[in-house]
Amino acid sequence: MTAEQRWVLKVACPSKSGQVAAISGFLDGHGCYINEFSCFDDDLSQRFFVRAVFRPGSDAAVIPSSLRADFEPVAARFQMEWAMHALSERPKVLIMVSRLDHCLRDLLYRWRIGELKIDIVGVVSNHPDLGPLVAADGLPFHHLPISEATKPEQEAKLMQIVDSTGAELVVLARYMQVLSQELCHQLEGRAINIHHSFLPGFKGAKPYHQAYARGVKLIGATAHYVTTDLDEGPIIEQVVERVSHAGGAEQLLSVGRDMECQALARAVRYHLERRVFLNGTRTVVLI
């Protein structure tokens, strides 16, 4: 059975006994074969999370239309928030970037070789610099310059692009602008940002140089959902690496770029594989 014939059932609900039996029993009762079943019960939030990968009882590439309808009574019984997605889906992704290109290049490469099974619907930037790079891959490039005075208009144009392209996910690949509260609310749960993990210890320009001056021994990068709290959204993935006093600030910068690429790519993949659940100010990631 190929991935094209597998589906993902994603469930979040209040903690209550009998949920695993209800979900697995439902799938089994409808002739589905469960390939993966991951779950987590969070004592702190009293929430239960499930990710089940299954294939239909037949070789059909689509599940029977009745399967979703038949699951509704189970979902209602346990107050479930749920969704079913085909693993063959190629979610639409919009990338945002400023002038730094390392995260954009990494995402484009992983998309090009098929590691990230997505459809990139375009790249938005507040600078024109990376237009030729995007055009080389035959992708739409949207230059939306921004100033304090034009920010509302610029963000309105951005949302028009999101809506017109049907983008499911917006990826801020070193987009160096603070989104407004209104835009953060509009993109809640579907916008991922990447930053170095020195905040709030090393704010402002040249954080790696500040870190070197303080003699740090460990550096890292954090990928998180965008919220109105700058760089404090629910964390999806983090990458860290030990560094030596012998390395200079430029070495820290080089290592940091690599970690930013890794953390962002993993976070995007986890989100699109339906592995990430929002849980208040945190996430649950079922690997």
Protein backbone atom coordinates (compact mmCIF):
# COMPACT_ATOMS: atom_id res chain seq x y z
CA MET A 1 0.00 0.00 0.00
CA THR A 2 1.51 3.29 -1.10
CA ALA A 3 1.38 6.62 0.68
CA GLU A 4 -1.08 7.77 -1.99
CA GLN A 5 -3.65 5.38 -0.51
CA ARG A 6 -3.08 6.28 3.13
CA TRP A 7 -4.97 8.80 5.21
CA VAL A 8 -4.36 10.66 8.45
CA LEU A 9 -6.94 11.10 11.18
CA LYS A 10 -6.00 13.92 13.53
CA VAL A 11 -7.89 14.30 16.82
CA ALA A 12 -7.72 16.64 19.83
CA CYS A 13 -10.24 16.44 22.65
CA PRO A 14 -10.73 16.64 26.43
CA SER A 15 -9.15 13.73 28.30
CA LYS A 16 -11.63 10.91 28.80
CA SER A 17 -11.35 7.14 28.97
CA GLY A 18 -12.37 5.06 25.97
CA GLN A 19 -11.07 7.33 23.23
CA VAL A 20 -8.39 4.98 21.87
CA ALA A 21 -10.88 2.12 21.72
CA ALA A 22 -13.46 4.34 20.04
CA ILE A 23 -11.07 5.54 17.32
CA SER A 24 -9.37 2.22 16.62
CA GLY A 25 -12.70 0.39 16.81
CA PHE A 26 -14.27 2.80 14.35
CA LEU A 27 -11.47 2.39 11.81
CA ASP A 28 -11.41 -1.38 12.22
CA GLY A 29 -15.18 -1.57 11.97
CA HIS A 30 -15.06 0.25 8.65
CA GLY A 31 -12.48 -2.15 7.21
CA CYS A 32 -9.54 0.25 7.56
CA TYR A 33 -6.02 -0.95 8.32
CA ILE A 34 -4.13 1.17 10.88
CA ASN A 35 -0.51 1.73 9.81
CA GLU A 36 0.47 4.11 12.63
CA PHE A 37 -1.20 5.17 15.85
CA SER A 38 0.33 7.84 18.09
CA CYS A 39 -1.32 9.47 21.06
CA PHE A 40 -0.54 11.67 24.05
CA ASP A 41 -2.51 12.64 27.13
CA ASP A 42 -1.47 15.97 28.65
CA ASP A 43 -2.03 16.10 32.40
CA LEU A 44 -1.50 19.86 32.49
CA SER A 45 -4.17 20.84 29.97
CA GLN A 46 -6.33 17.71 30.38
CA ARG A 47 -6.28 17.29 26.61
CA PHE A 48 -5.82 14.11 24.56
CA PHE A 49 -4.19 14.03 21.13
CA VAL A 50 -4.23 11.32 18.45
CA ARG A 51 -2.63 10.92 15.03
CA ALA A 52 -3.68 7.76 13.19
CA VAL A 53 -2.45 6.78 9.73
CA PHE A 54 -4.73 4.28 8.01
CA ARG A 55 -5.66 2.90 4.64
CA PRO A 56 -9.21 2.22 3.45
CA GLY A 57 -10.51 -1.31 3.19
CA SER A 58 -10.37 -1.16 -0.61
CA ASP A 59 -7.58 -0.08 -2.93
CA ALA A 60 -9.39 3.13 -3.73
CA ALA A 61 -7.25 6.24 -3.62
CA VAL A 62 -10.06 8.10 -1.86
CA ILE A 63 -11.92 7.17 1.29
CA PRO A 64 -15.66 6.54 1.04
CA SER A 65 -17.58 9.79 1.46
CA SER A 66 -19.55 8.14 4.24
CA LEU A 67 -16.45 7.62 6.43
CA ARG A 68 -16.32 11.23 7.60
CA ALA A 69 -20.07 11.31 8.20
CA ASP A 70 -19.95 8.04 10.13
CA PHE A 71 -17.21 9.41 12.39
CA GLU A 72 -19.30 12.40 13.46
CA PRO A 73 -21.15 10.56 16.28
CA VAL A 74 -17.82 9.32 17.69
CA ALA A 75 -16.40 12.84 17.54
CA ALA A 76 -19.49 14.33 19.20
CA ARG A 77 -19.37 11.76 22.02
CA PHE A 78 -15.85 12.82 23.01
CA GLN A 79 -16.05 16.52 21.95
CA MET A 80 -13.34 15.93 19.36
CA GLU A 81 -11.75 18.50 17.09
CA TRP A 82 -10.74 16.36 14.14
CA ALA A 83 -9.81 16.19 10.47
CA MET A 84 -9.01 13.54 7.86
CA HIS A 85 -6.40 14.19 5.19
CA ALA A 86 -4.88 12.09 2.42
CA LEU A 87 -1.12 11.63 2.70
CA SER A 88 -0.99 12.26 -1.03
CA GLU A 89 -2.20 15.84 -0.56
CA ARG A 90 0.28 18.51 -1.59
CA PRO A 91 -0.57 21.47 0.64
CA LYS A 92 -0.18 24.95 -0.81
CA VAL A 93 2.55 27.00 0.86
CA LEU A 94 3.40 30.70 0.59
CA ILE A 95 6.92 31.75 1.63
CA MET A 96 7.85 35.17 2.99
CA VAL A 97 11.42 36.46 3.02
CA SER A 98 13.41 39.69 3.23
CA ARG A 99 17.07 39.77 2.10
CA LEU A 100 18.67 36.78 3.86
CA ASP A 101 18.33 33.85 1.49
CA HIS A 102 19.61 30.75 3.31
CA CYS A 103 16.25 29.49 4.60
CA LEU A 104 14.53 30.23 1.29
CA ARG A 105 17.23 28.40 -0.69
CA ASP A 106 16.97 25.40 1.65
CA LEU A 107 13.18 25.18 1.33
CA LEU A 108 13.36 25.51 -2.46
CA TYR A 109 15.96 22.74 -2.64
CA ARG A 110 13.95 20.37 -0.44
CA TRP A 111 10.86 21.13 -2.54
CA ARG A 112 12.76 20.65 -5.80
CA ILE A 113 14.06 17.16 -4.86
CA GLY A 114 10.70 16.07 -3.48
CA GLU A 115 11.65 15.98 0.19
CA LEU A 116 8.98 18.57 0.99
CA LYS A 117 5.84 17.41 -0.79
CA ILE A 118 4.25 20.81 -1.17
CA ASP A 119 3.07 23.19 -3.86
CA ILE A 120 4.82 26.54 -3.40
CA VAL A 121 2.28 29.09 -4.63
CA GLY A 122 4.65 32.04 -4.43
CA VAL A 123 7.24 34.03 -2.52
CA VAL A 124 6.50 37.41 -0.93
CA SER A 125 9.26 39.85 -0.01
CA ASN A 126 9.53 43.42 1.18
CA HIS A 127 12.69 43.73 -0.94
CA PRO A 128 13.27 42.90 -4.65
CA ASP A 129 16.69 41.26 -4.12
CA LEU A 130 15.60 37.60 -4.25
CA GLY A 131 13.30 37.94 -7.25
CA PRO A 132 15.77 36.34 -9.71
CA LEU A 133 16.34 33.37 -7.37
CA VAL A 134 12.60 32.72 -7.18
CA ALA A 135 12.09 33.25 -10.91
CA ALA A 136 14.76 30.63 -11.66
CA ASP A 137 12.40 28.03 -10.18
CA GLY A 138 9.46 29.36 -12.16
CA LEU A 139 7.63 30.58 -9.08
CA PRO A 140 5.65 33.81 -8.66
CA PHE A 141 7.52 36.56 -6.81
CA HIS A 142 5.55 39.31 -5.11
CA HIS A 143 7.49 42.42 -4.13
CA LEU A 144 5.49 44.17 -1.43
CA PRO A 145 7.56 47.05 -0.02
CA ILE A 146 6.55 48.22 3.41
CA SER A 147 6.85 51.29 5.59
CA GLU A 148 5.12 52.34 8.78
CA ALA A 149 2.64 54.34 6.74
CA THR A 150 1.92 51.61 4.17
CA LYS A 151 1.91 48.60 6.52
CA PRO A 152 -1.91 48.17 6.62
CA GLU A 153 -2.10 48.33 2.82
CA GLN A 154 0.85 45.94 2.41
CA GLU A 155 -0.62 43.38 4.79
CA ALA A 156 -4.00 43.62 3.05
CA LYS A 157 -2.27 42.78 -0.25
CA LEU A 158 -0.50 39.90 1.46
CA MET A 159 -3.80 38.43 2.66
CA GLN A 160 -5.21 38.83 -0.84
CA ILE A 161 -2.35 36.64 -2.09
CA VAL A 162 -2.94 34.11 0.70
CA ASP A 163 -6.65 33.91 -0.12
CA SER A 164 -6.32 33.92 -3.92
CA THR A 165 -3.68 31.17 -3.92
CA GLY A 166 -5.44 29.04 -1.32
CA ALA A 167 -2.26 28.87 0.76
CA GLU A 168 -2.72 26.55 3.71
CA LEU A 169 0.57 27.53 5.33
CA VAL A 170 2.64 30.73 5.37
CA VAL A 171 6.35 30.27 6.11
CA LEU A 172 8.38 33.24 7.34
CA ALA A 173 11.84 32.25 6.09
CA ARG A 174 13.72 35.11 7.77
CA TYR A 175 11.08 37.71 6.98
CA MET A 176 12.39 40.66 8.97
CA GLN A 177 9.15 42.50 9.63
CA VAL A 178 6.86 42.36 12.65
CA LEU A 179 3.34 41.32 11.66
CA SER A 180 0.43 43.35 12.97
CA GLN A 181 -1.88 41.88 15.60
CA GLU A 182 -4.68 41.71 13.03
CA LEU A 183 -2.53 39.72 10.59
CA CYS A 184 -1.31 37.41 13.37
CA HIS A 185 -4.93 36.62 14.24
CA GLN A 186 -5.80 35.98 10.58
CA LEU A 187 -2.88 33.55 10.23
CA GLU A 188 -3.25 31.89 13.63
CA GLY A 189 -2.08 28.27 13.52
CA ARG A 190 -0.97 28.46 9.89
CA ALA A 191 2.11 30.69 9.90
CA ILE A 192 5.54 29.41 10.96
CA ASN A 193 8.51 31.64 11.80
CA ILE A 194 12.21 30.87 12.37
CA HIS A 195 14.59 32.75 14.64
CA HIS A 196 17.83 32.26 16.52
CA SER A 197 17.24 31.06 20.06
CA PHE A 198 19.13 33.89 21.76
CA LEU A 199 16.01 35.95 22.39
CA PRO A 200 15.44 37.50 24.82
CA GLY A 201 19.06 37.25 25.96
CA PHE A 202 20.54 38.76 22.79
CA LYS A 203 18.14 41.21 21.19
CA GLY A 204 18.67 43.60 18.33
CA ALA A 205 21.28 43.53 15.60
CA LYS A 206 24.06 40.95 15.34
CA PRO A 207 22.86 38.48 18.00
CA TYR A 208 25.62 35.99 17.10
CA HIS A 209 28.26 38.63 17.71
CA GLN A 210 26.66 39.40 21.08
CA ALA A 211 26.66 35.70 21.91
CA TYR A 212 30.32 35.36 20.97
CA ALA A 213 31.18 38.31 23.19
CA ARG A 214 29.46 36.54 26.09
CA GLY A 215 31.28 33.27 25.40
CA VAL A 216 28.24 31.05 24.90
CA LYS A 217 28.83 27.30 24.67
CA LEU A 218 25.53 26.32 23.08
CA ILE A 219 23.61 27.98 20.25
CA GLY A 220 20.38 27.07 18.55
CA ALA A 221 17.41 27.93 16.36
CA THR A 222 13.68 27.79 17.05
CA ALA A 223 10.74 27.33 14.67
CA HIS A 224 7.39 28.37 16.08
CA TYR A 225 3.89 29.44 15.16
CA VAL A 226 3.38 33.17 14.71
CA THR A 227 1.43 34.94 17.46
CA THR A 228 0.96 38.50 18.61
CA ASP A 229 3.75 37.92 21.14
CA LEU A 230 6.90 38.52 19.08
CA ASP A 231 9.02 35.34 18.76
CA GLU A 232 7.12 33.71 21.62
CA GLY A 233 4.61 31.56 19.72
CA PRO A 234 4.12 27.83 20.37
CA ILE A 235 7.39 26.04 19.60
CA ILE A 236 7.35 23.32 16.93
CA GLU A 237 11.03 22.43 16.58
CA GLN A 238 14.41 23.45 18.01
CA VAL A 239 17.95 22.61 16.93
CA VAL A 240 21.00 23.17 19.13
CA GLU A 241 24.75 22.68 18.73
CA ARG A 242 27.70 23.04 21.07
CA VAL A 243 30.30 25.63 20.10
CA SER A 244 33.83 26.37 21.27
CA HIS A 245 35.55 29.53 22.45
CA ALA A 246 37.98 28.96 19.56
CA GLY A 247 35.33 29.82 16.98
CA GLY A 248 34.71 33.44 16.09
CA ALA A 249 31.45 35.29 15.63
CA GLU A 250 31.40 34.45 11.91
CA GLN A 251 31.62 30.74 12.74
CA LEU A 252 28.67 31.08 15.08
CA LEU A 253 26.80 32.86 12.31
CA SER A 254 27.57 30.03 9.87
CA VAL A 255 26.47 27.33 12.31
CA GLY A 256 23.38 29.36 13.13
CA ARG A 257 22.32 29.61 9.50
CA ASP A 258 22.54 25.84 9.14
CA MET A 259 20.47 25.25 12.26
CA GLU A 260 17.83 27.75 11.16
CA CYS A 261 17.42 25.82 7.90
CA GLN A 262 17.12 22.49 9.72
CA ALA A 263 14.63 23.69 12.31
CA LEU A 264 12.41 25.48 9.79
CA ALA A 265 12.33 22.57 7.32
CA ARG A 266 11.43 20.10 10.07
CA ALA A 267 8.70 22.35 11.43
CA VAL A 268 7.17 22.75 7.98
CA ARG A 269 7.26 18.99 7.41
CA TYR A 270 5.75 18.19 10.81
CA HIS A 271 2.94 20.68 10.22
CA LEU A 272 2.14 19.38 6.75
CA GLU A 273 2.24 15.74 7.89
CA ARG A 274 -0.44 16.67 10.46
CA ARG A 275 1.86 15.91 13.39
CA VAL A 276 1.51 19.24 15.23
CA PHE A 277 -1.29 20.08 17.66
CA LEU A 278 -1.73 23.47 19.29
CA ASN A 279 -2.06 23.06 23.04
CA GLY A 280 -2.46 26.52 24.56
CA THR A 281 0.91 28.26 24.42
CA ARG A 282 2.62 24.96 23.60
CA THR A 283 2.46 22.31 20.91
CA VAL A 284 2.24 18.56 20.92
CA VAL A 285 4.26 17.03 18.07
CA LEU A 286 3.53 13.34 17.47
CA ILE A 287 6.59 12.02 15.64
